[in-house]
Amino acid sequence: MANFSIPAPVEPEKTPWIHDRSQRPKAPPIDWLALASSWWGIAIGVLGSVGLTAVMFSLRDSWPNHREWLVSFIPFLAIAAIGFGHLFARGRYMALAIPVSGLFLTLIFMFFDLMADSDNAPMDQRDALSILGGICLGITVAVLVLSLLWVEIRNPTKAPAPEI
């Protein structure tokens, strides 16, 4: 039993080599390729959330009066984008077919909205394009979250087998 009445407790039953750091084995080397392959889906999701946020603010910028409440949708964009990266990393491409189509349609509306804005097109045309882009973005995010839930409920992610 340790003697706690002295300034530095000592356990007489243990030998000194137990606490000697030079006796400990070295840590295994880090396999950066294996580490990157296990986290690349999350990295795609984080970059995608930044991209979806940029798309949302680009569509919002074309409206004459700014709608600051759109900022509250950023967590949903982040969840959807990280879900996209997760599904892509798991190879669930069929679950991504409809969200990718919606994202493509959103980007088309955003592109034409930016072109109409740079050509000084009528305000009605720019409003219609930005509203359609916003609707497509919202539907894309909702479908992406639902497809993530559908895949995870039907075939949940399992931890790898322990290496013993």
C-alpha atoms as a PDB file:
ATOM      1  CA  MET A   1       0.000   0.000   0.000  1.00  0.00           C
ATOM      2  CA  ALA A   2       1.210   3.484  -0.818  1.00  0.00           C
ATOM      3  CA  ASN A   3       2.385   5.711   2.008  1.00  0.00           C
ATOM      4  CA  PHE A   4       0.554   9.026   1.434  1.00  0.00           C
ATOM      5  CA  SER A   5       2.000  10.764   4.489  1.00  0.00           C
ATOM      6  CA  ILE A   6       5.308  11.547   2.771  1.00  0.00           C
ATOM      7  CA  PRO A   7       5.706  14.316   0.123  1.00  0.00           C
ATOM      8  CA  ALA A   8       6.211  11.806  -2.737  1.00  0.00           C
ATOM      9  CA  PRO A   9       4.187   8.623  -2.236  1.00  0.00           C
ATOM     10  CA  VAL A  10       6.100   5.406  -2.749  1.00  0.00           C
ATOM     11  CA  GLU A  11       4.676   1.936  -3.219  1.00  0.00           C
ATOM     12  CA  PRO A  12       7.163  -0.553  -1.838  1.00  0.00           C
ATOM     13  CA  GLU A  13       5.439  -3.502  -3.573  1.00  0.00           C
ATOM     14  CA  LYS A  14       6.169  -2.125  -7.068  1.00  0.00           C
ATOM     15  CA  THR A  15       9.604  -2.156  -8.545  1.00  0.00           C
ATOM     16  CA  PRO A  16      11.056   1.110  -9.866  1.00  0.00           C
ATOM     17  CA  TRP A  17      11.153  -0.093 -13.502  1.00  0.00           C
ATOM     18  CA  ILE A  18       7.346   0.109 -13.749  1.00  0.00           C
ATOM     19  CA  HIS A  19       7.461   3.913 -13.725  1.00  0.00           C
ATOM     20  CA  ASP A  20      10.629   4.217 -15.780  1.00  0.00           C
ATOM     21  CA  ARG A  21       9.669   5.799 -19.121  1.00  0.00           C
ATOM     22  CA  SER A  22      12.675   4.379 -20.906  1.00  0.00           C
ATOM     23  CA  GLN A  23      11.250   0.865 -20.373  1.00  0.00           C
ATOM     24  CA  ARG A  24       8.023   1.645 -22.242  1.00  0.00           C
ATOM     25  CA  PRO A  25       7.716   0.514 -25.860  1.00  0.00           C
ATOM     26  CA  LYS A  26       7.665   3.145 -28.579  1.00  0.00           C
ATOM     27  CA  ALA A  27       4.351   4.100 -30.168  1.00  0.00           C
ATOM     28  CA  PRO A  28       3.659   2.477 -33.521  1.00  0.00           C
ATOM     29  CA  PRO A  29       4.320   4.676 -36.554  1.00  0.00           C
ATOM     30  CA  ILE A  30       1.373   6.652 -37.882  1.00  0.00           C
ATOM     31  CA  ASP A  31       0.052   5.323 -41.176  1.00  0.00           C
ATOM     32  CA  TRP A  32      -1.075   8.598 -42.732  1.00  0.00           C
ATOM     33  CA  LEU A  33      -2.689   6.880 -45.702  1.00  0.00           C
ATOM     34  CA  ALA A  34      -4.860   4.706 -43.456  1.00  0.00           C
ATOM     35  CA  LEU A  35      -5.717   7.722 -41.319  1.00  0.00           C
ATOM     36  CA  ALA A  36      -6.695   9.775 -44.368  1.00  0.00           C
ATOM     37  CA  SER A  37      -8.764   6.929 -45.807  1.00  0.00           C
ATOM     38  CA  SER A  38     -10.775   6.671 -42.605  1.00  0.00           C
ATOM     39  CA  TRP A  39     -11.487  10.423 -42.394  1.00  0.00           C
ATOM     40  CA  TRP A  40     -11.879  11.472 -46.040  1.00  0.00           C
ATOM     41  CA  GLY A  41     -15.677  11.263 -45.948  1.00  0.00           C
ATOM     42  CA  ILE A  42     -15.831  13.738 -43.098  1.00  0.00           C
ATOM     43  CA  ALA A  43     -13.362  16.010 -44.895  1.00  0.00           C
ATOM     44  CA  ILE A  44     -15.573  15.981 -48.001  1.00  0.00           C
ATOM     45  CA  GLY A  45     -18.543  16.784 -45.776  1.00  0.00           C
ATOM     46  CA  VAL A  46     -16.848  19.739 -44.118  1.00  0.00           C
ATOM     47  CA  LEU A  47     -15.755  21.163 -47.465  1.00  0.00           C
ATOM     48  CA  GLY A  48     -19.249  20.514 -48.817  1.00  0.00           C
ATOM     49  CA  SER A  49     -20.837  22.388 -45.915  1.00  0.00           C
ATOM     50  CA  VAL A  50     -18.668  25.398 -46.712  1.00  0.00           C
ATOM     51  CA  GLY A  51     -19.697  25.096 -50.369  1.00  0.00           C
ATOM     52  CA  LEU A  52     -23.413  24.779 -49.580  1.00  0.00           C
ATOM     53  CA  THR A  53     -23.179  27.802 -47.301  1.00  0.00           C
ATOM     54  CA  ALA A  54     -21.505  29.757 -50.101  1.00  0.00           C
ATOM     55  CA  VAL A  55     -24.291  28.709 -52.489  1.00  0.00           C
ATOM     56  CA  MET A  56     -26.926  29.794 -49.984  1.00  0.00           C
ATOM     57  CA  PHE A  57     -25.318  33.205 -49.453  1.00  0.00           C
ATOM     58  CA  SER A  58     -24.829  33.642 -53.193  1.00  0.00           C
ATOM     59  CA  LEU A  59     -28.521  33.010 -53.792  1.00  0.00           C
ATOM     60  CA  ARG A  60     -29.467  35.258 -50.884  1.00  0.00           C
ATOM     61  CA  ASP A  61     -27.259  38.079 -52.149  1.00  0.00           C
ATOM     62  CA  SER A  62     -29.326  38.550 -55.278  1.00  0.00           C
ATOM     63  CA  TRP A  63     -32.441  39.480 -53.311  1.00  0.00           C
ATOM     64  CA  PRO A  64     -32.907  43.220 -52.785  1.00  0.00           C
ATOM     65  CA  ASN A  65     -33.806  42.865 -49.094  1.00  0.00           C
ATOM     66  CA  HIS A  66     -31.601  40.494 -47.168  1.00  0.00           C
ATOM     67  CA  ARG A  67     -33.177  37.741 -45.179  1.00  0.00           C
ATOM     68  CA  GLU A  68     -30.948  37.325 -42.147  1.00  0.00           C
ATOM     69  CA  TRP A  69     -32.977  34.376 -40.856  1.00  0.00           C
ATOM     70  CA  LEU A  70     -31.319  32.234 -43.530  1.00  0.00           C
ATOM     71  CA  VAL A  71     -28.252  32.053 -41.297  1.00  0.00           C
ATOM     72  CA  SER A  72     -30.211  29.697 -39.046  1.00  0.00           C
ATOM     73  CA  PHE A  73     -30.160  27.114 -41.867  1.00  0.00           C
ATOM     74  CA  ILE A  74     -26.368  26.714 -41.765  1.00  0.00           C
ATOM     75  CA  PRO A  75     -26.514  23.780 -39.267  1.00  0.00           C
ATOM     76  CA  PHE A  76     -28.839  21.921 -41.634  1.00  0.00           C
ATOM     77  CA  LEU A  77     -26.432  22.551 -44.498  1.00  0.00           C
ATOM     78  CA  ALA A  78     -23.570  21.206 -42.379  1.00  0.00           C
ATOM     79  CA  ILE A  79     -25.521  18.083 -41.390  1.00  0.00           C
ATOM     80  CA  ALA A  80     -26.500  17.453 -45.009  1.00  0.00           C
ATOM     81  CA  ALA A  81     -22.976  17.943 -46.342  1.00  0.00           C
ATOM     82  CA  ILE A  82     -21.365  15.723 -43.700  1.00  0.00           C
ATOM     83  CA  GLY A  83     -24.068  13.150 -44.415  1.00  0.00           C
ATOM     84  CA  PHE A  84     -23.158  13.416 -48.102  1.00  0.00           C
ATOM     85  CA  GLY A  85     -19.498  12.740 -47.309  1.00  0.00           C
ATOM     86  CA  HIS A  86     -20.453   9.841 -45.058  1.00  0.00           C
ATOM     87  CA  LEU A  87     -22.671   8.229 -47.699  1.00  0.00           C
ATOM     88  CA  PHE A  88     -20.039   8.800 -50.364  1.00  0.00           C
ATOM     89  CA  ALA A  89     -17.338   7.223 -48.181  1.00  0.00           C
ATOM     90  CA  ARG A  90     -19.591   4.218 -47.507  1.00  0.00           C
ATOM     91  CA  GLY A  91     -20.226   3.780 -51.214  1.00  0.00           C
ATOM     92  CA  ARG A  92     -24.001   4.351 -51.039  1.00  0.00           C
ATOM     93  CA  TYR A  93     -24.205   5.993 -54.437  1.00  0.00           C
ATOM     94  CA  MET A  94     -27.842   5.100 -55.108  1.00  0.00           C
ATOM     95  CA  ALA A  95     -28.870   7.031 -51.998  1.00  0.00           C
ATOM     96  CA  LEU A  96     -27.005  10.047 -53.382  1.00  0.00           C
ATOM     97  CA  ALA A  97     -28.607  10.022 -56.841  1.00  0.00           C
ATOM     98  CA  ILE A  98     -31.540  12.326 -56.056  1.00  0.00           C
ATOM     99  CA  PRO A  99     -29.581  14.747 -53.802  1.00  0.00           C
ATOM    100  CA  VAL A 100     -26.819  15.095 -56.396  1.00  0.00           C
ATOM    101  CA  SER A 101     -29.455  15.846 -59.048  1.00  0.00           C
ATOM    102  CA  GLY A 102     -30.987  18.472 -56.775  1.00  0.00           C
ATOM    103  CA  LEU A 103     -27.578  19.985 -56.083  1.00  0.00           C
ATOM    104  CA  PHE A 104     -26.877  20.110 -59.819  1.00  0.00           C
ATOM    105  CA  LEU A 105     -30.186  21.887 -60.406  1.00  0.00           C
ATOM    106  CA  THR A 106     -29.403  24.313 -57.567  1.00  0.00           C
ATOM    107  CA  LEU A 107     -26.019  25.120 -59.099  1.00  0.00           C
ATOM    108  CA  ILE A 108     -27.645  25.696 -62.506  1.00  0.00           C
ATOM    109  CA  PHE A 109     -30.109  28.184 -60.989  1.00  0.00           C
ATOM    110  CA  MET A 110     -27.277  29.856 -59.071  1.00  0.00           C
ATOM    111  CA  PHE A 111     -25.163  30.150 -62.232  1.00  0.00           C
ATOM    112  CA  PHE A 112     -27.993  31.694 -64.248  1.00  0.00           C
ATOM    113  CA  ASP A 113     -28.822  33.971 -61.311  1.00  0.00           C
ATOM    114  CA  LEU A 114     -25.236  35.223 -61.237  1.00  0.00           C
ATOM    115  CA  MET A 115     -25.281  35.695 -65.011  1.00  0.00           C
ATOM    116  CA  ALA A 116     -28.562  37.626 -64.816  1.00  0.00           C
ATOM    117  CA  ASP A 117     -27.127  39.753 -62.015  1.00  0.00           C
ATOM    118  CA  SER A 118     -24.018  40.613 -64.004  1.00  0.00           C
ATOM    119  CA  ASP A 119     -26.047  41.435 -67.144  1.00  0.00           C
ATOM    120  CA  ASN A 120     -28.397  43.743 -65.232  1.00  0.00           C
ATOM    121  CA  ALA A 121     -31.391  41.585 -66.120  1.00  0.00           C
ATOM    122  CA  PRO A 122     -34.848  42.568 -64.876  1.00  0.00           C
ATOM    123  CA  MET A 123     -35.362  42.174 -61.143  1.00  0.00           C
ATOM    124  CA  ASP A 124     -38.245  39.751 -61.642  1.00  0.00           C
ATOM    125  CA  GLN A 125     -35.992  37.347 -63.530  1.00  0.00           C
ATOM    126  CA  ARG A 126     -33.284  37.520 -60.876  1.00  0.00           C
ATOM    127  CA  ASP A 127     -35.864  37.010 -58.124  1.00  0.00           C
ATOM    128  CA  ALA A 128     -37.330  33.999 -59.888  1.00  0.00           C
ATOM    129  CA  LEU A 129     -33.919  32.399 -60.393  1.00  0.00           C
ATOM    130  CA  SER A 130     -32.792  33.001 -56.811  1.00  0.00           C
ATOM    131  CA  ILE A 131     -36.083  31.746 -55.368  1.00  0.00           C
ATOM    132  CA  LEU A 132     -35.962  28.606 -57.518  1.00  0.00           C
ATOM    133  CA  GLY A 133     -32.340  28.070 -56.499  1.00  0.00           C
ATOM    134  CA  GLY A 134     -33.246  28.470 -52.831  1.00  0.00           C
ATOM    135  CA  ILE A 135     -36.151  26.047 -53.140  1.00  0.00           C
ATOM    136  CA  CYS A 136     -33.933  23.499 -54.877  1.00  0.00           C
ATOM    137  CA  LEU A 137     -31.273  23.925 -52.197  1.00  0.00           C
ATOM    138  CA  GLY A 138     -33.822  23.380 -49.426  1.00  0.00           C
ATOM    139  CA  ILE A 139     -35.268  20.306 -51.092  1.00  0.00           C
ATOM    140  CA  THR A 140     -31.773  18.953 -51.724  1.00  0.00           C
ATOM    141  CA  VAL A 141     -30.804  19.358 -48.068  1.00  0.00           C
ATOM    142  CA  ALA A 142     -34.024  17.714 -46.881  1.00  0.00           C
ATOM    143  CA  VAL A 143     -33.689  14.787 -49.289  1.00  0.00           C
ATOM    144  CA  LEU A 144     -30.030  14.345 -48.357  1.00  0.00           C
ATOM    145  CA  VAL A 145     -30.827  14.156 -44.646  1.00  0.00           C
ATOM    146  CA  LEU A 146     -33.687  11.743 -45.321  1.00  0.00           C
ATOM    147  CA  SER A 147     -31.499   9.516 -47.490  1.00  0.00           C
ATOM    148  CA  LEU A 148     -28.861   9.470 -44.747  1.00  0.00           C
ATOM    149  CA  LEU A 149     -31.507   8.415 -42.225  1.00  0.00           C
ATOM    150  CA  TRP A 150     -32.866   5.800 -44.635  1.00  0.00           C
ATOM    151  CA  VAL A 151     -29.447   4.228 -45.198  1.00  0.00           C
ATOM    152  CA  GLU A 152     -28.527   4.293 -41.514  1.00  0.00           C
ATOM    153  CA  ILE A 153     -31.825   2.751 -40.420  1.00  0.00           C
ATOM    154  CA  ARG A 154     -31.704  -0.026 -43.016  1.00  0.00           C
ATOM    155  CA  ASN A 155     -27.964  -0.727 -42.828  1.00  0.00           C
ATOM    156  CA  PRO A 156     -26.343   0.992 -39.834  1.00  0.00           C
ATOM    157  CA  THR A 157     -22.647   1.697 -39.645  1.00  0.00           C
ATOM    158  CA  LYS A 158     -20.854  -0.917 -37.567  1.00  0.00           C
ATOM    159  CA  ALA A 159     -17.579  -0.609 -35.731  1.00  0.00           C
ATOM    160  CA  PRO A 160     -14.707  -2.637 -37.129  1.00  0.00           C
ATOM    161  CA  ALA A 161     -13.825  -5.940 -35.499  1.00  0.00           C
ATOM    162  CA  PRO A 162     -11.316  -5.590 -32.671  1.00  0.00           C
ATOM    163  CA  GLU A 163      -7.725  -6.424 -33.493  1.00  0.00           C
ATOM    164  CA  ILE A 164      -6.538  -8.785 -30.812  1.00  0.00           C
END
